[in-house]
């Protein structure tokens, strides 16, 4: 029997990167999946976002594991759309919801720091709207369904080491990203306390750099060349520049399965020692 056999998991940002890895691993361990992704570009974010074909291919991979899957294209900034996706997905998969992975997030990095105030405001607003309000929208949509199902459950926020420390660089995108992730720690603690009576646990994972589409693109390469000092400040102490998707997924699986049944309100680093620098 799998570690999350018979459970239903709702995952945002599921078409690519960490969300996709989590969806497939939880399906391998017996969960049915509600996979949500915006599948659209998000100005002023400059790197490519997933397209609908990637969400479709994820569904096929989950079905090949003999698990059920419900997909929906929805933007976490749209609370009504996320609420509808959650309700429809839960209904389609039998009326229960056990696991929520609030994973969708962006870093609107650019090689040259924007000086136009309108662009700077757009970077700030988009980052906070997706990374922070999008998580709140996900919690608001899913917790009533978890309570109604009566099975307790586990919620995990995808955070970052930038939620537990900071690295500044006169860079509005990095400042906005850091602020958005720090805010999630407060949301985590309040949500964990508020819903403990329903046996709903709320935790977060805080990775160092992970090889995903958020950092594996030409813009990030050029940014790193222009700002080598930042790489030194944000690097790890263990001899690896990046951790693998599987490392984050295993931490998530630990938190949402019975192995983490008494863990709530925890900010779990998977950081190769970066927080010790």
Protein backbone atom coordinates (compact mmCIF):
# COMPACT_ATOMS: atom_id res chain seq x y z
CA UNK A 1 0.00 0.00 0.00
CA UNK A 2 1.26 3.47 -0.89
CA UNK A 3 1.98 6.12 1.73
CA UNK A 4 -1.01 8.25 0.64
CA UNK A 5 -3.21 5.44 -0.70
CA UNK A 6 -6.81 6.46 -1.35
CA UNK A 7 -6.25 10.15 -0.62
CA UNK A 8 -6.99 13.11 -2.90
CA UNK A 9 -4.44 15.88 -3.41
CA UNK A 10 -5.06 19.39 -4.79
CA UNK A 11 -1.91 20.89 -6.35
CA UNK A 12 -1.41 24.35 -7.85
CA UNK A 13 1.34 25.07 -10.36
CA UNK A 14 1.08 21.39 -11.28
CA UNK A 15 1.99 21.41 -14.98
CA UNK A 16 5.74 21.86 -14.54
CA UNK A 17 8.59 21.88 -12.03
CA UNK A 18 8.00 21.11 -8.37
CA UNK A 19 4.24 20.84 -8.76
CA UNK A 20 4.51 18.24 -11.50
CA UNK A 21 7.10 16.24 -9.54
CA UNK A 22 4.87 16.27 -6.45
CA UNK A 23 1.80 15.21 -8.44
CA UNK A 24 3.54 12.23 -9.99
CA UNK A 25 5.15 11.09 -6.74
CA UNK A 26 1.91 11.31 -4.78
CA UNK A 27 0.16 9.38 -7.55
CA UNK A 28 2.86 6.71 -7.33
CA UNK A 29 2.08 6.49 -3.61
CA UNK A 30 -1.64 6.01 -4.22
CA UNK A 31 -3.22 9.47 -4.32
CA UNK A 32 -5.69 10.80 -6.86
CA UNK A 33 -4.74 14.25 -8.11
CA UNK A 34 -6.50 17.56 -8.76
CA UNK A 35 -3.94 19.38 -10.90
CA UNK A 36 -4.29 23.14 -11.38
CA UNK A 37 -2.16 25.48 -13.47
CA UNK A 38 -2.67 28.85 -15.16
CA UNK A 39 -0.84 27.66 -18.29
CA UNK A 40 -0.38 31.25 -19.44
CA UNK A 41 2.24 33.98 -19.55
CA UNK A 42 2.19 36.46 -16.66
CA UNK A 43 3.59 39.88 -17.47
CA UNK A 44 6.08 41.10 -16.15
CA UNK A 45 7.43 37.55 -15.60
CA UNK A 46 9.76 37.04 -18.56
CA UNK A 47 10.48 33.30 -18.56
CA UNK A 48 8.19 30.85 -20.32
CA UNK A 49 5.22 29.40 -18.46
CA UNK A 50 3.69 25.95 -19.03
CA UNK A 51 1.14 25.48 -21.78
CA UNK A 52 -2.05 23.39 -21.70
CA UNK A 53 -0.30 20.49 -23.43
CA UNK A 54 1.94 20.07 -20.36
CA UNK A 55 -1.08 19.81 -18.08
CA UNK A 56 -2.62 17.27 -20.47
CA UNK A 57 0.56 15.21 -20.53
CA UNK A 58 0.68 15.23 -16.73
CA UNK A 59 -2.85 13.82 -16.67
CA UNK A 60 -1.83 11.01 -19.00
CA UNK A 61 1.17 10.15 -16.81
CA UNK A 62 -1.01 10.02 -13.70
CA UNK A 63 -3.58 7.84 -15.45
CA UNK A 64 -0.76 5.52 -16.52
CA UNK A 65 -0.08 5.03 -12.80
CA UNK A 66 -3.69 3.82 -12.46
CA UNK A 67 -4.75 6.87 -10.49
CA UNK A 68 -7.61 9.27 -11.15
CA UNK A 69 -6.89 12.85 -12.14
CA UNK A 70 -8.87 16.07 -12.57
CA UNK A 71 -7.24 19.01 -14.33
CA UNK A 72 -8.29 22.63 -14.60
CA UNK A 73 -6.65 25.70 -16.10
CA UNK A 74 -7.02 28.37 -13.42
CA UNK A 75 -4.95 31.26 -12.10
CA UNK A 76 -4.36 31.33 -8.33
CA UNK A 77 -4.91 35.09 -8.40
CA UNK A 78 -8.56 34.41 -9.24
CA UNK A 79 -10.07 33.22 -5.99
CA UNK A 80 -13.43 32.35 -7.53
CA UNK A 81 -11.77 30.23 -10.21
CA UNK A 82 -9.69 28.34 -7.63
CA UNK A 83 -12.78 27.79 -5.47
CA UNK A 84 -14.68 26.39 -8.46
CA UNK A 85 -11.73 24.17 -9.43
CA UNK A 86 -11.49 22.77 -5.92
CA UNK A 87 -15.21 22.06 -5.65
CA UNK A 88 -15.42 20.50 -9.11
CA UNK A 89 -12.30 18.42 -8.57
CA UNK A 90 -13.42 17.11 -5.20
CA UNK A 91 -16.84 16.22 -6.60
CA UNK A 92 -15.29 14.45 -9.59
CA UNK A 93 -12.97 12.38 -7.40
CA UNK A 94 -15.47 11.21 -4.83
CA UNK A 95 -16.07 13.98 -2.31
CA UNK A 96 -12.91 14.01 -0.21
CA UNK A 97 -9.85 16.24 -0.03
CA UNK A 98 -6.87 15.20 2.10
CA UNK A 99 -3.80 17.02 0.77
CA UNK A 100 -3.29 20.55 -0.52
CA UNK A 101 -0.01 21.67 -2.05
CA UNK A 102 -0.06 25.44 -2.54
CA UNK A 103 2.86 25.39 -4.94
CA UNK A 104 2.28 28.02 -7.65
CA UNK A 105 4.83 30.84 -7.56
CA UNK A 106 6.94 33.20 -9.67
CA UNK A 107 10.12 35.27 -9.54
CA UNK A 108 9.89 38.18 -12.00
CA UNK A 109 13.64 38.51 -12.47
CA UNK A 110 15.13 40.70 -15.20
CA UNK A 111 18.73 41.31 -16.22
CA UNK A 112 18.46 45.08 -16.00
CA UNK A 113 16.73 46.61 -13.01
CA UNK A 114 13.55 48.41 -14.13
CA UNK A 115 13.44 52.13 -13.42
CA UNK A 116 9.94 52.85 -14.72
CA UNK A 117 7.72 53.16 -11.63
CA UNK A 118 4.83 51.45 -13.42
CA UNK A 119 6.99 48.41 -14.20
CA UNK A 120 8.30 48.27 -10.64
CA UNK A 121 4.75 48.36 -9.27
CA UNK A 122 3.77 45.60 -11.69
CA UNK A 123 6.65 43.39 -10.52
CA UNK A 124 5.66 43.94 -6.88
CA UNK A 125 1.95 43.38 -7.45
CA UNK A 126 2.28 40.32 -9.66
CA UNK A 127 4.73 38.65 -7.29
CA UNK A 128 2.64 39.24 -4.16
CA UNK A 129 -0.62 38.41 -5.93
CA UNK A 130 0.65 35.01 -7.07
CA UNK A 131 3.07 34.00 -4.32
CA UNK A 132 1.08 35.20 -1.31
CA UNK A 133 -2.52 35.97 -2.19
CA UNK A 134 -2.57 32.93 -4.48
CA UNK A 135 -1.70 30.70 -1.52
CA UNK A 136 -4.38 32.39 0.60
CA UNK A 137 -6.90 31.86 -2.20
CA UNK A 138 -5.94 28.18 -2.31
CA UNK A 139 -6.36 27.79 1.45
CA UNK A 140 -9.69 29.61 1.39
CA UNK A 141 -10.96 27.34 -1.38
CA UNK A 142 -9.75 24.05 0.04
CA UNK A 143 -10.09 24.15 3.82
CA UNK A 144 -13.93 24.20 3.84
CA UNK A 145 -13.87 21.11 1.63
CA UNK A 146 -11.40 19.38 3.93
CA UNK A 147 -13.53 20.18 6.96
CA UNK A 148 -16.67 18.98 5.21
CA UNK A 149 -14.99 15.69 4.28
CA UNK A 150 -14.11 15.16 7.94
CA UNK A 151 -10.82 13.35 7.36
CA UNK A 152 -8.42 16.01 8.61
CA UNK A 153 -5.55 16.45 6.19
CA UNK A 154 -2.30 18.18 5.39
CA UNK A 155 -1.44 21.42 3.63
CA UNK A 156 2.05 22.30 2.44
CA UNK A 157 3.13 25.71 1.15
CA UNK A 158 6.02 25.81 -1.30
CA UNK A 159 8.22 28.49 0.21
CA UNK A 160 11.96 29.22 -0.19
CA UNK A 161 15.02 29.89 1.89
CA UNK A 162 14.14 33.50 1.04
CA UNK A 163 11.20 33.05 3.42
CA UNK A 164 13.61 32.43 6.31
CA UNK A 165 16.46 34.78 5.41
CA UNK A 166 17.14 37.40 2.77
CA UNK A 167 19.58 38.26 0.03
CA UNK A 168 19.13 41.80 -1.28
CA UNK A 169 20.60 43.21 -4.47
CA UNK A 170 18.89 46.56 -5.20
CA UNK A 171 16.50 44.36 -7.17
CA UNK A 172 12.73 44.86 -7.00
CA UNK A 173 12.06 41.31 -8.20
CA UNK A 174 14.17 39.78 -5.42
CA UNK A 175 12.74 42.15 -2.80
CA UNK A 176 9.19 41.33 -3.88
CA UNK A 177 9.93 37.60 -3.94
CA UNK A 178 11.48 37.74 -0.46
CA UNK A 179 8.57 39.75 0.96
CA UNK A 180 6.06 37.35 -0.57
CA UNK A 181 7.77 34.34 0.98
CA UNK A 182 8.19 35.96 4.39
CA UNK A 183 4.46 36.70 4.38
CA UNK A 184 3.75 33.01 3.81
CA UNK A 185 5.42 32.14 7.10
CA UNK A 186 2.89 34.29 8.93
CA UNK A 187 0.03 32.80 6.94
CA UNK A 188 1.35 29.31 7.70
CA UNK A 189 1.42 29.84 11.45
CA UNK A 190 -2.01 31.42 11.65
CA UNK A 191 -3.58 28.74 9.44
CA UNK A 192 -1.92 25.90 11.36
CA UNK A 193 -3.27 27.28 14.64
CA UNK A 194 -6.74 28.05 13.33
CA UNK A 195 -7.44 24.61 11.86
CA UNK A 196 -5.63 22.25 14.23
CA UNK A 197 -8.98 21.44 15.89
CA UNK A 198 -10.04 19.87 12.58
CA UNK A 199 -6.85 17.75 12.45
CA UNK A 200 -5.65 19.80 9.49
CA UNK A 201 -1.88 20.23 9.58
CA UNK A 202 -0.14 23.11 7.79
CA UNK A 203 3.59 23.19 7.05
CA UNK A 204 5.97 24.68 4.50
CA UNK A 205 9.07 23.51 2.64
CA UNK A 206 11.90 25.97 2.04
CA UNK A 207 14.21 24.85 -0.77
CA UNK A 208 17.48 26.35 -1.82
CA UNK A 209 17.89 26.54 -5.60
CA UNK A 210 16.05 23.78 -7.48
CA UNK A 211 16.55 23.09 -11.17
CA UNK A 212 13.14 24.17 -12.48
CA UNK A 213 11.85 26.60 -15.10
CA UNK A 214 11.96 29.41 -12.53
CA UNK A 215 15.76 29.53 -12.67
CA UNK A 216 16.71 27.40 -15.69
CA UNK A 217 16.34 30.01 -18.44
CA UNK A 218 18.46 32.48 -20.39
CA UNK A 219 17.41 35.51 -18.37
CA UNK A 220 18.55 33.91 -15.13
CA UNK A 221 21.84 32.92 -16.73
CA UNK A 222 22.50 36.48 -17.81
CA UNK A 223 21.44 37.79 -14.40
CA UNK A 224 23.87 35.43 -12.65
CA UNK A 225 26.72 36.60 -14.89
CA UNK A 226 25.93 40.23 -14.14
CA UNK A 227 25.62 39.65 -10.38
CA UNK A 228 28.18 36.96 -9.38
CA UNK A 229 28.26 38.23 -5.79
CA UNK A 230 24.64 37.24 -5.28
CA UNK A 231 25.40 33.67 -6.24
CA UNK A 232 28.10 33.56 -3.60
CA UNK A 233 25.79 34.98 -0.93
CA UNK A 234 22.92 32.63 -1.78
CA UNK A 235 25.01 29.49 -2.32
CA UNK A 236 24.95 26.27 -0.28
CA UNK A 237 27.53 24.93 2.15
CA UNK A 238 27.14 21.33 1.01
CA UNK A 239 28.99 20.72 -2.29
CA UNK A 240 26.03 21.09 -4.65
CA UNK A 241 24.82 24.22 -6.43
CA UNK A 242 21.22 22.98 -6.68
CA UNK A 243 19.04 20.30 -5.13
CA UNK A 244 16.90 17.90 -7.15
CA UNK A 245 13.15 18.03 -7.57
CA UNK A 246 12.99 14.63 -5.89
CA UNK A 247 14.57 16.05 -2.73
CA UNK A 248 11.73 18.54 -2.32
CA UNK A 249 9.09 15.98 -3.22
CA UNK A 250 10.33 13.54 -0.59
CA UNK A 251 10.08 16.29 2.05
CA UNK A 252 6.53 17.03 0.92
CA UNK A 253 5.61 13.35 1.02
CA UNK A 254 6.97 13.10 4.55
CA UNK A 255 4.83 16.03 5.67
CA UNK A 256 1.56 14.88 4.06
CA UNK A 257 1.77 11.17 4.91
CA UNK A 258 1.41 9.42 8.27
CA UNK A 259 5.12 9.95 8.89
CA UNK A 260 4.33 13.61 9.57
CA UNK A 261 1.02 13.10 11.35
CA UNK A 262 2.01 15.16 14.40
CA UNK A 263 3.93 17.86 12.56
CA UNK A 264 2.24 21.22 12.03
CA UNK A 265 3.36 24.84 11.85
CA UNK A 266 6.86 23.80 10.74
CA UNK A 267 9.08 25.64 8.25
CA UNK A 268 11.19 22.79 6.85
CA UNK A 269 14.38 23.79 5.00
CA UNK A 270 15.70 21.57 2.21
CA UNK A 271 18.61 23.87 1.63
CA UNK A 272 21.95 22.02 1.49
CA UNK A 273 22.98 24.17 4.45
CA UNK A 274 22.34 27.52 2.75
CA UNK A 275 20.75 28.99 5.87
CA UNK A 276 24.05 28.50 7.73
CA UNK A 277 25.89 30.96 5.49
